[in-house]
Amino acid sequence: MRITPERTIEVSLKDKNITSAWDTDPGVVRTGLQHIVFVVDGKANIITTIVNGKLCDGGRYRVTGWSWFDPEINNVSGTGNFSIMPDFNGELKEIRIYNRYLTTSEAIGNYRAEFSNFK
């Protein structure tokens, strides 16, 4: 996981041979407490992003808010190493890795349940 030069948050999936990456829509990440969800559907080979309870739909930057990731990646189970870019200057309050993909409505529901007291 890293912050890109465009100030998006990017996640990379990697097995022994292949790397596939996806990032949030530009402009949706701001300073302060954030709720960012990358949903990786290993059956359909699709990755989507939900930031602060809103599906990243691509806006004017992309045709779609989802992307295919390389179907040759053999394992996206989260059993490998997790790393954050070496020069990350921030704080992660919590990271969750599920043993299945979440639906968009589940990710939005998690945001609403966790952040309803902060509005």
Protein backbone atom coordinates (compact mmCIF):
# COMPACT_ATOMS: atom_id res chain seq x y z
CA MET A 1 0.00 0.00 0.00
CA ARG A 2 1.32 3.45 -0.84
CA ILE A 3 0.37 7.07 -1.44
CA THR A 4 0.91 7.92 -5.11
CA PRO A 5 2.31 11.19 -6.49
CA GLU A 6 -1.30 12.02 -7.49
CA ARG A 7 -2.21 11.79 -3.76
CA THR A 8 -4.28 8.65 -4.17
CA ILE A 9 -3.94 5.49 -2.12
CA GLU A 10 -2.77 2.48 -4.10
CA VAL A 11 -2.83 -1.19 -3.22
CA SER A 12 -0.69 -3.75 -5.05
CA LEU A 13 -1.45 -7.44 -5.26
CA LYS A 14 1.54 -9.63 -5.87
CA ASP A 15 2.37 -13.27 -6.11
CA LYS A 16 5.74 -14.74 -7.05
CA ASN A 17 5.57 -13.56 -10.67
CA ILE A 18 2.91 -10.90 -11.19
CA THR A 19 2.01 -7.55 -9.63
CA SER A 20 -1.33 -5.80 -10.18
CA ALA A 21 -2.15 -2.39 -8.67
CA TRP A 22 -5.22 -0.19 -8.25
CA ASP A 23 -5.69 3.18 -6.60
CA THR A 24 -8.49 5.40 -5.37
CA ASP A 25 -9.99 8.11 -7.57
CA PRO A 26 -7.94 11.32 -7.38
CA GLY A 27 -9.27 13.87 -4.93
CA VAL A 28 -11.32 11.58 -2.69
CA VAL A 29 -8.64 11.07 -0.04
CA ARG A 30 -8.18 13.98 2.33
CA THR A 31 -6.27 14.59 5.54
CA GLY A 32 -7.61 13.26 8.80
CA LEU A 33 -9.36 10.03 9.67
CA GLN A 34 -10.34 8.05 6.56
CA HIS A 35 -12.20 4.82 5.87
CA ILE A 36 -10.72 3.20 2.76
CA VAL A 37 -11.77 -0.21 1.48
CA PHE A 38 -10.22 -2.13 -1.40
CA VAL A 39 -12.51 -4.98 -2.41
CA VAL A 40 -10.71 -7.76 -4.26
CA ASP A 41 -13.04 -10.31 -5.82
CA GLY A 42 -10.78 -13.22 -6.67
CA LYS A 43 -13.48 -15.14 -8.53
CA ALA A 44 -14.33 -12.33 -10.95
CA ASN A 45 -10.80 -10.82 -10.83
CA ILE A 46 -12.24 -7.38 -10.12
CA ILE A 47 -11.03 -4.75 -7.68
CA THR A 48 -13.07 -1.78 -6.48
CA THR A 49 -12.49 0.97 -3.94
CA ILE A 50 -14.88 2.57 -1.45
CA VAL A 51 -13.67 5.73 0.34
CA ASN A 52 -15.62 7.20 3.24
CA GLY A 53 -18.76 5.28 2.33
CA LYS A 54 -18.73 6.21 -1.37
CA LEU A 55 -17.87 3.92 -4.27
CA CYS A 56 -15.06 5.32 -6.39
CA ASP A 57 -16.77 5.40 -9.79
CA GLY A 58 -13.90 6.79 -11.83
CA GLY A 59 -15.40 10.27 -12.14
CA ARG A 60 -13.75 12.22 -14.92
CA TYR A 61 -10.50 10.28 -14.50
CA ARG A 62 -11.59 6.78 -15.55
CA VAL A 63 -14.34 5.17 -17.57
CA THR A 64 -15.22 2.84 -14.68
CA GLY A 65 -14.63 2.74 -10.95
CA TRP A 66 -13.50 -0.88 -11.05
CA SER A 67 -10.73 -2.72 -12.80
CA TRP A 68 -9.76 -6.21 -13.76
CA PHE A 69 -6.64 -7.46 -12.10
CA ASP A 70 -4.39 -9.99 -13.72
CA PRO A 71 -6.12 -13.40 -13.62
CA GLU A 72 -2.69 -15.06 -13.58
CA ILE A 73 -2.21 -13.97 -9.96
CA ASN A 74 -2.54 -17.29 -8.18
CA ASN A 75 -3.30 -16.22 -4.62
CA VAL A 76 -4.94 -13.06 -3.27
CA SER A 77 -5.86 -14.62 0.05
CA GLY A 78 -3.90 -12.12 2.14
CA THR A 79 -1.63 -14.80 3.56
CA GLY A 80 1.54 -13.11 2.29
CA ASN A 81 3.35 -10.03 3.52
CA PHE A 82 1.61 -6.71 3.97
CA SER A 83 3.75 -3.64 3.57
CA ILE A 84 3.32 0.09 3.57
CA MET A 85 5.63 2.28 1.55
CA PRO A 86 8.85 2.85 3.50
CA ASP A 87 8.45 6.61 3.76
CA PHE A 88 4.84 6.54 4.98
CA ASN A 89 4.37 9.46 7.34
CA GLY A 90 1.02 8.87 8.97
CA GLU A 91 -0.90 6.59 11.23
CA LEU A 92 -3.02 3.53 10.52
CA LYS A 93 -5.69 3.06 13.13
CA GLU A 94 -6.85 -0.32 11.90
CA ILE A 95 -6.39 -2.71 8.99
CA ARG A 96 -8.77 -5.55 8.29
CA ILE A 97 -8.19 -8.38 5.87
CA TYR A 98 -11.19 -10.62 5.33
CA ASN A 99 -11.20 -14.20 4.09
CA ARG A 100 -13.79 -13.25 1.44
CA TYR A 101 -14.59 -10.19 -0.61
CA LEU A 102 -17.05 -7.68 0.82
CA THR A 103 -19.96 -6.36 -1.17
CA THR A 104 -20.06 -2.62 -1.75
CA SER A 105 -23.05 -2.33 0.59
CA GLU A 106 -21.15 -4.17 3.35
CA ALA A 107 -18.22 -1.75 3.00
CA ILE A 108 -20.56 1.24 3.11
CA GLY A 109 -22.38 -0.26 6.12
CA ASN A 110 -19.06 -0.72 7.94
CA TYR A 111 -18.21 2.93 7.30
CA ARG A 112 -21.60 4.11 8.58
CA ALA A 113 -21.35 1.91 11.69
CA GLU A 114 -17.83 3.05 12.53
CA PHE A 115 -18.02 6.73 11.60
CA SER A 116 -21.59 7.68 12.52
CA ASN A 117 -20.35 9.15 15.83
CA PHE A 118 -17.70 11.30 14.11
CA LYS A 119 -20.00 13.42 11.92
